[in-house]
Amino acid sequence: MNSQDDVALLRAKVAALESKIDMLETEYVYLNKILIDCGFSNGIDTLKQTVEEVISERLDQPSMNLKEDEELF
């Protein structure tokens, strides 16, 4: 493979990554919007904080001491 082929391959990889970034940004914005619409005031950030609190509360409850093979939810 020559350097022109290498450059073309790298450009193709960059283009594919840019496309994936665009898709992920679109999904992030949409998810954030619908979370705000359903009551999470700061969208994804509020959801993450809420989930962390729920997990922490469940782990703090003695009745929630899980065995190794059990799941939290």
Protein backbone atom coordinates (compact mmCIF):
# COMPACT_ATOMS: atom_id res chain seq x y z
CA MET A 1 0.00 0.00 0.00
CA ASN A 2 1.39 3.40 -0.89
CA SER A 3 1.06 6.67 0.97
CA GLN A 4 -1.82 7.83 -1.24
CA ASP A 5 -3.74 4.69 -0.32
CA ASP A 6 -2.93 5.28 3.33
CA VAL A 7 -4.20 8.85 3.12
CA ALA A 8 -7.38 7.74 1.36
CA LEU A 9 -7.97 5.05 3.98
CA LEU A 10 -7.44 7.53 6.80
CA ARG A 11 -9.82 10.02 5.19
CA ALA A 12 -12.45 7.33 4.87
CA LYS A 13 -12.03 6.41 8.53
CA VAL A 14 -12.28 10.07 9.56
CA ALA A 15 -15.44 10.48 7.49
CA ALA A 16 -16.98 7.39 9.12
CA LEU A 17 -16.11 8.69 12.59
CA GLU A 18 -17.55 12.12 11.81
CA SER A 19 -20.76 10.45 10.70
CA LYS A 20 -20.95 8.48 13.94
CA ILE A 21 -20.34 11.63 15.97
CA ASP A 22 -23.18 13.39 14.13
CA MET A 23 -25.51 10.48 14.84
CA LEU A 24 -24.54 10.34 18.52
CA GLU A 25 -24.94 14.11 18.93
CA THR A 26 -28.39 13.92 17.37
CA GLU A 27 -29.43 11.08 19.69
CA TYR A 28 -27.98 12.88 22.73
CA VAL A 29 -29.87 16.09 21.96
CA TYR A 30 -33.12 14.17 21.35
CA LEU A 31 -32.77 12.10 24.53
CA ASN A 32 -31.94 15.20 26.56
CA LYS A 33 -35.00 16.99 25.18
CA ILE A 34 -37.45 14.19 25.92
CA LEU A 35 -36.03 13.78 29.43
CA ILE A 36 -36.57 17.49 30.07
CA ASP A 37 -40.08 17.20 28.61
CA CYS A 38 -40.93 14.40 31.05
CA GLY A 39 -39.67 16.22 34.14
CA PHE A 40 -35.91 15.81 34.45
CA SER A 41 -35.05 19.50 34.75
CA ASN A 42 -31.53 19.21 33.34
CA GLY A 43 -32.16 16.23 31.11
CA ILE A 44 -29.47 13.56 31.04
CA ASP A 45 -27.54 15.13 33.92
CA THR A 46 -30.61 15.00 36.18
CA LEU A 47 -31.35 11.42 35.11
CA LYS A 48 -27.81 10.31 35.96
CA GLN A 49 -27.98 12.04 39.34
CA THR A 50 -31.36 10.44 40.10
CA VAL A 51 -30.16 6.96 39.13
CA GLU A 52 -27.02 7.35 41.27
CA GLU A 53 -29.17 8.37 44.25
CA VAL A 54 -31.53 5.40 43.77
CA ILE A 55 -28.60 2.99 43.55
CA SER A 56 -26.99 4.50 46.62
CA GLU A 57 -30.23 4.29 48.60
CA ARG A 58 -30.76 0.67 47.60
CA LEU A 59 -27.23 -0.26 48.55
CA ASP A 60 -27.64 1.44 51.94
CA GLN A 61 -30.76 -0.58 52.82
CA PRO A 62 -29.89 -3.74 54.80
CA SER A 63 -32.65 -5.69 53.05
CA MET A 64 -30.99 -4.92 49.74
CA ASN A 65 -27.73 -6.67 50.51
CA LEU A 66 -27.36 -8.63 47.35
CA LYS A 67 -25.73 -11.96 46.85
CA GLU A 68 -23.01 -12.18 44.23
CA ASP A 69 -25.29 -13.63 41.57
CA GLU A 70 -28.21 -11.20 42.12
CA GLU A 71 -28.78 -8.02 40.21
CA LEU A 72 -29.67 -4.63 41.66
CA PHE A 73 -32.80 -4.23 39.53
